[in-house]
Amino acid sequence: MSYETVRTFFALLALAANAATIVIVVAVVAKGTIRERVFGSLAGSELWLSFVVAATATLGSLYLSEIVHLVPCVFCWYQRIAMYPLVLILAIGLLPYDPRVRRYAAAFASLGWIIALFQTLLVAGIIPESAQPCVKGITCSETHISLLGFLNIPTLSLLTFTVIGVLLFYSHRLEPS
């Protein structure tokens, strides 16, 4: 499989996941039939979906660094430190099912989201480059990938942590612990 094919696959997957996140957020606010349909279709699968998203993101980042040989910057490493344990934490919490896993997963997802947001704002030029900790090697504001004109690695990471966060929040609303 070519690099372009994999790159496009991850971009489309990120867009689809975020479209689904928007639907979930709208359903939380909405009333009536829309809310019932969305919540009915998700019921009980939020943690599984979070696991799948985290595992896909982990495999994607490993593909980019180990096969494509893109060297991760400091912020990319921090985001990996937040994402990789999510796969293990969610897997342990799912087999056997333990809804308390949400609180541990939410801590990692929140940390990763904050770091990804900072790097996304840095890449967009909203935060000045002088504020970045990357002084040696690859700069944290450099973009290796640009898909559809706006999707780069930090944005994909931010979107991924957002999807996981929304799924964890939604699963918490359904089931008291």
C-alpha atoms as a PDB file:
ATOM      1  CA  MET A   1       0.000   0.000   0.000  1.00  0.00           C
ATOM      2  CA  SER A   2       1.442   3.384  -0.961  1.00  0.00           C
ATOM      3  CA  TYR A   3       2.096   6.247   1.437  1.00  0.00           C
ATOM      4  CA  GLU A   4      -0.467   8.431  -0.374  1.00  0.00           C
ATOM      5  CA  THR A   5      -3.160   5.772   0.012  1.00  0.00           C
ATOM      6  CA  VAL A   6      -2.526   5.366   3.743  1.00  0.00           C
ATOM      7  CA  ARG A   7      -2.353   9.132   4.220  1.00  0.00           C
ATOM      8  CA  THR A   8      -5.679   9.647   2.448  1.00  0.00           C
ATOM      9  CA  PHE A   9      -7.237   6.777   4.411  1.00  0.00           C
ATOM     10  CA  PHE A  10      -6.308   8.367   7.751  1.00  0.00           C
ATOM     11  CA  ALA A  11      -7.555  11.775   6.614  1.00  0.00           C
ATOM     12  CA  LEU A  12     -10.927  10.374   5.549  1.00  0.00           C
ATOM     13  CA  LEU A  13     -11.141   8.310   8.722  1.00  0.00           C
ATOM     14  CA  ALA A  14     -10.499  11.435  10.814  1.00  0.00           C
ATOM     15  CA  LEU A  15     -13.153  13.388   8.937  1.00  0.00           C
ATOM     16  CA  ALA A  16     -15.706  10.583   9.341  1.00  0.00           C
ATOM     17  CA  ALA A  17     -14.967  10.229  13.051  1.00  0.00           C
ATOM     18  CA  ASN A  18     -15.324  13.949  13.594  1.00  0.00           C
ATOM     19  CA  ALA A  19     -18.560  14.098  11.633  1.00  0.00           C
ATOM     20  CA  ALA A  20     -19.839  11.398  13.992  1.00  0.00           C
ATOM     21  CA  THR A  21     -18.609  13.447  16.965  1.00  0.00           C
ATOM     22  CA  ILE A  22     -20.542  16.454  15.744  1.00  0.00           C
ATOM     23  CA  VAL A  23     -23.656  14.284  15.440  1.00  0.00           C
ATOM     24  CA  ILE A  24     -23.177  13.072  19.040  1.00  0.00           C
ATOM     25  CA  VAL A  25     -22.713  16.621  20.355  1.00  0.00           C
ATOM     26  CA  VAL A  26     -25.809  17.807  18.473  1.00  0.00           C
ATOM     27  CA  ALA A  27     -27.741  14.828  19.862  1.00  0.00           C
ATOM     28  CA  VAL A  28     -26.718  15.738  23.413  1.00  0.00           C
ATOM     29  CA  VAL A  29     -28.267  19.174  22.884  1.00  0.00           C
ATOM     30  CA  ALA A  30     -31.220  18.013  20.780  1.00  0.00           C
ATOM     31  CA  LYS A  31     -34.455  16.574  22.038  1.00  0.00           C
ATOM     32  CA  GLY A  32     -36.812  13.936  20.701  1.00  0.00           C
ATOM     33  CA  THR A  33     -36.268  11.558  17.812  1.00  0.00           C
ATOM     34  CA  ILE A  34     -32.759  12.668  16.807  1.00  0.00           C
ATOM     35  CA  ARG A  35     -31.464  12.195  20.325  1.00  0.00           C
ATOM     36  CA  GLU A  36     -33.127   8.790  20.707  1.00  0.00           C
ATOM     37  CA  ARG A  37     -31.786   7.512  17.381  1.00  0.00           C
ATOM     38  CA  VAL A  38     -28.206   8.611  17.997  1.00  0.00           C
ATOM     39  CA  PHE A  39     -28.083   7.405  21.589  1.00  0.00           C
ATOM     40  CA  GLY A  40     -29.869   4.186  20.673  1.00  0.00           C
ATOM     41  CA  SER A  41     -27.328   3.378  17.982  1.00  0.00           C
ATOM     42  CA  LEU A  42     -24.370   4.003  20.311  1.00  0.00           C
ATOM     43  CA  ALA A  43     -25.726   2.459  23.485  1.00  0.00           C
ATOM     44  CA  GLY A  44     -22.981   0.492  25.163  1.00  0.00           C
ATOM     45  CA  SER A  45     -20.349   0.777  22.434  1.00  0.00           C
ATOM     46  CA  GLU A  46     -18.706   4.072  23.435  1.00  0.00           C
ATOM     47  CA  LEU A  47     -15.731   2.519  25.218  1.00  0.00           C
ATOM     48  CA  TRP A  48     -15.221   0.013  22.400  1.00  0.00           C
ATOM     49  CA  LEU A  49     -15.265   2.855  19.878  1.00  0.00           C
ATOM     50  CA  SER A  50     -12.789   4.807  22.023  1.00  0.00           C
ATOM     51  CA  PHE A  51     -10.515   1.771  22.005  1.00  0.00           C
ATOM     52  CA  VAL A  52     -10.758   1.419  18.217  1.00  0.00           C
ATOM     53  CA  VAL A  53      -9.987   5.126  17.700  1.00  0.00           C
ATOM     54  CA  ALA A  54      -7.002   4.997  20.081  1.00  0.00           C
ATOM     55  CA  ALA A  55      -5.653   1.804  18.470  1.00  0.00           C
ATOM     56  CA  THR A  56      -6.041   3.260  14.978  1.00  0.00           C
ATOM     57  CA  ALA A  57      -4.254   6.469  16.008  1.00  0.00           C
ATOM     58  CA  THR A  58      -1.456   4.461  17.600  1.00  0.00           C
ATOM     59  CA  LEU A  59      -1.000   2.327  14.480  1.00  0.00           C
ATOM     60  CA  GLY A  60      -1.099   5.464  12.322  1.00  0.00           C
ATOM     61  CA  SER A  61       1.613   7.207  14.326  1.00  0.00           C
ATOM     62  CA  LEU A  62       3.779   4.102  14.288  1.00  0.00           C
ATOM     63  CA  TYR A  63       3.303   3.842  10.522  1.00  0.00           C
ATOM     64  CA  LEU A  64       4.418   7.452  10.038  1.00  0.00           C
ATOM     65  CA  SER A  65       7.515   7.088  12.210  1.00  0.00           C
ATOM     66  CA  GLU A  66       8.608   3.515  11.547  1.00  0.00           C
ATOM     67  CA  ILE A  67       7.643   2.980   7.905  1.00  0.00           C
ATOM     68  CA  VAL A  68       7.551   6.492   6.406  1.00  0.00           C
ATOM     69  CA  HIS A  69      10.438   7.566   8.693  1.00  0.00           C
ATOM     70  CA  LEU A  70       8.930  10.885   9.780  1.00  0.00           C
ATOM     71  CA  VAL A  71      10.800  11.950  12.883  1.00  0.00           C
ATOM     72  CA  PRO A  72       8.366  13.048  15.619  1.00  0.00           C
ATOM     73  CA  CYS A  73       8.904  16.423  17.277  1.00  0.00           C
ATOM     74  CA  VAL A  74       8.784  16.949  21.050  1.00  0.00           C
ATOM     75  CA  PHE A  75       5.030  17.682  21.074  1.00  0.00           C
ATOM     76  CA  CYS A  76       4.367  14.624  18.913  1.00  0.00           C
ATOM     77  CA  TRP A  77       6.170  12.507  21.504  1.00  0.00           C
ATOM     78  CA  TYR A  78       4.083  14.031  24.301  1.00  0.00           C
ATOM     79  CA  GLN A  79       0.906  13.260  22.363  1.00  0.00           C
ATOM     80  CA  ARG A  80       2.098   9.697  21.837  1.00  0.00           C
ATOM     81  CA  ILE A  81       2.744   9.413  25.576  1.00  0.00           C
ATOM     82  CA  ALA A  82      -0.924  10.321  26.089  1.00  0.00           C
ATOM     83  CA  MET A  83      -2.311   8.150  23.243  1.00  0.00           C
ATOM     84  CA  TYR A  84      -0.409   4.862  23.499  1.00  0.00           C
ATOM     85  CA  PRO A  85      -1.475   4.017  27.081  1.00  0.00           C
ATOM     86  CA  LEU A  86      -5.111   4.640  26.089  1.00  0.00           C
ATOM     87  CA  VAL A  87      -5.044   1.484  23.990  1.00  0.00           C
ATOM     88  CA  LEU A  88      -3.918  -0.608  26.945  1.00  0.00           C
ATOM     89  CA  ILE A  89      -6.095   1.173  29.545  1.00  0.00           C
ATOM     90  CA  LEU A  90      -9.245   0.843  27.431  1.00  0.00           C
ATOM     91  CA  ALA A  91      -8.490  -2.796  26.564  1.00  0.00           C
ATOM     92  CA  ILE A  92      -8.003  -3.677  30.240  1.00  0.00           C
ATOM     93  CA  GLY A  93     -11.220  -1.845  31.141  1.00  0.00           C
ATOM     94  CA  LEU A  94     -13.207  -3.593  28.449  1.00  0.00           C
ATOM     95  CA  LEU A  95     -12.207  -7.167  29.252  1.00  0.00           C
ATOM     96  CA  PRO A  96     -13.860  -7.649  31.713  1.00  0.00           C
ATOM     97  CA  TYR A  97     -16.028  -4.585  31.335  1.00  0.00           C
ATOM     98  CA  ASP A  98     -15.344  -1.946  33.987  1.00  0.00           C
ATOM     99  CA  PRO A  99     -17.011   1.449  33.413  1.00  0.00           C
ATOM    100  CA  ARG A 100     -14.561   3.074  35.872  1.00  0.00           C
ATOM    101  CA  VAL A 101     -11.914   2.893  33.160  1.00  0.00           C
ATOM    102  CA  ARG A 102     -13.427   6.134  31.821  1.00  0.00           C
ATOM    103  CA  ARG A 103     -11.799   8.247  34.506  1.00  0.00           C
ATOM    104  CA  TYR A 104      -8.317   6.913  33.757  1.00  0.00           C
ATOM    105  CA  ALA A 105      -8.771   7.151  30.015  1.00  0.00           C
ATOM    106  CA  ALA A 106     -10.232  10.663  30.329  1.00  0.00           C
ATOM    107  CA  ALA A 107      -7.094  11.862  32.128  1.00  0.00           C
ATOM    108  CA  PHE A 108      -4.846  10.730  29.254  1.00  0.00           C
ATOM    109  CA  ALA A 109      -7.276  11.990  26.601  1.00  0.00           C
ATOM    110  CA  SER A 110      -7.497  15.414  28.269  1.00  0.00           C
ATOM    111  CA  LEU A 111      -3.729  15.725  28.556  1.00  0.00           C
ATOM    112  CA  GLY A 112      -3.249  14.717  24.932  1.00  0.00           C
ATOM    113  CA  TRP A 113      -5.995  17.117  23.809  1.00  0.00           C
ATOM    114  CA  ILE A 114      -4.322  20.087  25.553  1.00  0.00           C
ATOM    115  CA  ILE A 115      -0.935  19.292  24.002  1.00  0.00           C
ATOM    116  CA  ALA A 116      -2.480  18.741  20.555  1.00  0.00           C
ATOM    117  CA  LEU A 117      -4.415  22.024  20.818  1.00  0.00           C
ATOM    118  CA  PHE A 118      -1.245  23.906  21.717  1.00  0.00           C
ATOM    119  CA  GLN A 119       0.647  22.396  18.785  1.00  0.00           C
ATOM    120  CA  THR A 120      -2.264  23.013  16.390  1.00  0.00           C
ATOM    121  CA  LEU A 121      -2.321  26.691  17.433  1.00  0.00           C
ATOM    122  CA  LEU A 122       1.467  26.795  17.053  1.00  0.00           C
ATOM    123  CA  VAL A 123       1.279  25.387  13.506  1.00  0.00           C
ATOM    124  CA  ALA A 124      -1.543  27.827  12.649  1.00  0.00           C
ATOM    125  CA  GLY A 125       0.668  30.731  13.752  1.00  0.00           C
ATOM    126  CA  ILE A 126      -1.642  31.804  16.582  1.00  0.00           C
ATOM    127  CA  ILE A 127       1.026  30.959  19.163  1.00  0.00           C
ATOM    128  CA  PRO A 128       4.433  32.429  18.260  1.00  0.00           C
ATOM    129  CA  GLU A 129       7.235  30.019  17.367  1.00  0.00           C
ATOM    130  CA  SER A 130       9.308  31.488  20.199  1.00  0.00           C
ATOM    131  CA  ALA A 131       6.918  29.734  22.634  1.00  0.00           C
ATOM    132  CA  GLN A 132       7.746  26.256  21.351  1.00  0.00           C
ATOM    133  CA  PRO A 133      10.031  23.974  23.360  1.00  0.00           C
ATOM    134  CA  CYS A 134      11.462  22.370  20.218  1.00  0.00           C
ATOM    135  CA  VAL A 135      14.856  23.974  19.878  1.00  0.00           C
ATOM    136  CA  LYS A 136      16.935  21.110  18.500  1.00  0.00           C
ATOM    137  CA  GLY A 137      16.074  18.799  15.657  1.00  0.00           C
ATOM    138  CA  ILE A 138      12.670  19.012  14.079  1.00  0.00           C
ATOM    139  CA  THR A 139      10.575  22.077  14.846  1.00  0.00           C
ATOM    140  CA  CYS A 140       7.120  21.631  16.379  1.00  0.00           C
ATOM    141  CA  SER A 141       5.550  24.124  13.987  1.00  0.00           C
ATOM    142  CA  GLU A 142       6.653  22.274  10.836  1.00  0.00           C
ATOM    143  CA  THR A 143       4.010  20.343   8.908  1.00  0.00           C
ATOM    144  CA  HIS A 144       5.041  17.161   7.135  1.00  0.00           C
ATOM    145  CA  ILE A 145       1.578  16.315   5.936  1.00  0.00           C
ATOM    146  CA  SER A 146      -1.189  18.546   4.679  1.00  0.00           C
ATOM    147  CA  LEU A 147      -4.386  16.845   3.613  1.00  0.00           C
ATOM    148  CA  LEU A 148      -7.315  18.690   2.103  1.00  0.00           C
ATOM    149  CA  GLY A 149      -5.520  21.952   2.865  1.00  0.00           C
ATOM    150  CA  PHE A 150      -6.093  21.899   6.619  1.00  0.00           C
ATOM    151  CA  LEU A 151      -5.444  18.433   8.031  1.00  0.00           C
ATOM    152  CA  ASN A 152      -1.918  18.073   9.358  1.00  0.00           C
ATOM    153  CA  ILE A 153      -0.559  15.722  12.017  1.00  0.00           C
ATOM    154  CA  PRO A 154      -1.283  18.018  15.006  1.00  0.00           C
ATOM    155  CA  THR A 155      -4.833  18.649  13.733  1.00  0.00           C
ATOM    156  CA  LEU A 156      -5.410  14.911  13.236  1.00  0.00           C
ATOM    157  CA  SER A 157      -4.183  14.335  16.784  1.00  0.00           C
ATOM    158  CA  LEU A 158      -6.458  17.057  18.153  1.00  0.00           C
ATOM    159  CA  LEU A 159      -9.433  15.590  16.304  1.00  0.00           C
ATOM    160  CA  THR A 160      -8.607  12.101  17.559  1.00  0.00           C
ATOM    161  CA  PHE A 161      -8.369  13.192  21.188  1.00  0.00           C
ATOM    162  CA  THR A 162     -11.636  15.112  20.696  1.00  0.00           C
ATOM    163  CA  VAL A 163     -13.424  12.007  19.409  1.00  0.00           C
ATOM    164  CA  ILE A 164     -12.145   9.919  22.322  1.00  0.00           C
ATOM    165  CA  GLY A 165     -13.072  12.633  24.819  1.00  0.00           C
ATOM    166  CA  VAL A 166     -16.608  12.990  23.481  1.00  0.00           C
ATOM    167  CA  LEU A 167     -17.125   9.213  23.504  1.00  0.00           C
ATOM    168  CA  LEU A 168     -15.840   8.961  27.079  1.00  0.00           C
ATOM    169  CA  PHE A 169     -18.022  11.879  28.179  1.00  0.00           C
ATOM    170  CA  TYR A 170     -21.054  10.367  26.483  1.00  0.00           C
ATOM    171  CA  SER A 171     -20.450   6.959  28.072  1.00  0.00           C
ATOM    172  CA  HIS A 172     -20.211   8.663  31.460  1.00  0.00           C
ATOM    173  CA  ARG A 173     -23.615  10.318  30.908  1.00  0.00           C
ATOM    174  CA  LEU A 174     -25.221   6.959  30.231  1.00  0.00           C
ATOM    175  CA  GLU A 175     -23.934   4.898  33.090  1.00  0.00           C
ATOM    176  CA  PRO A 176     -23.384   6.158  36.658  1.00  0.00           C
ATOM    177  CA  SER A 177     -20.295   4.778  38.393  1.00  0.00           C
END
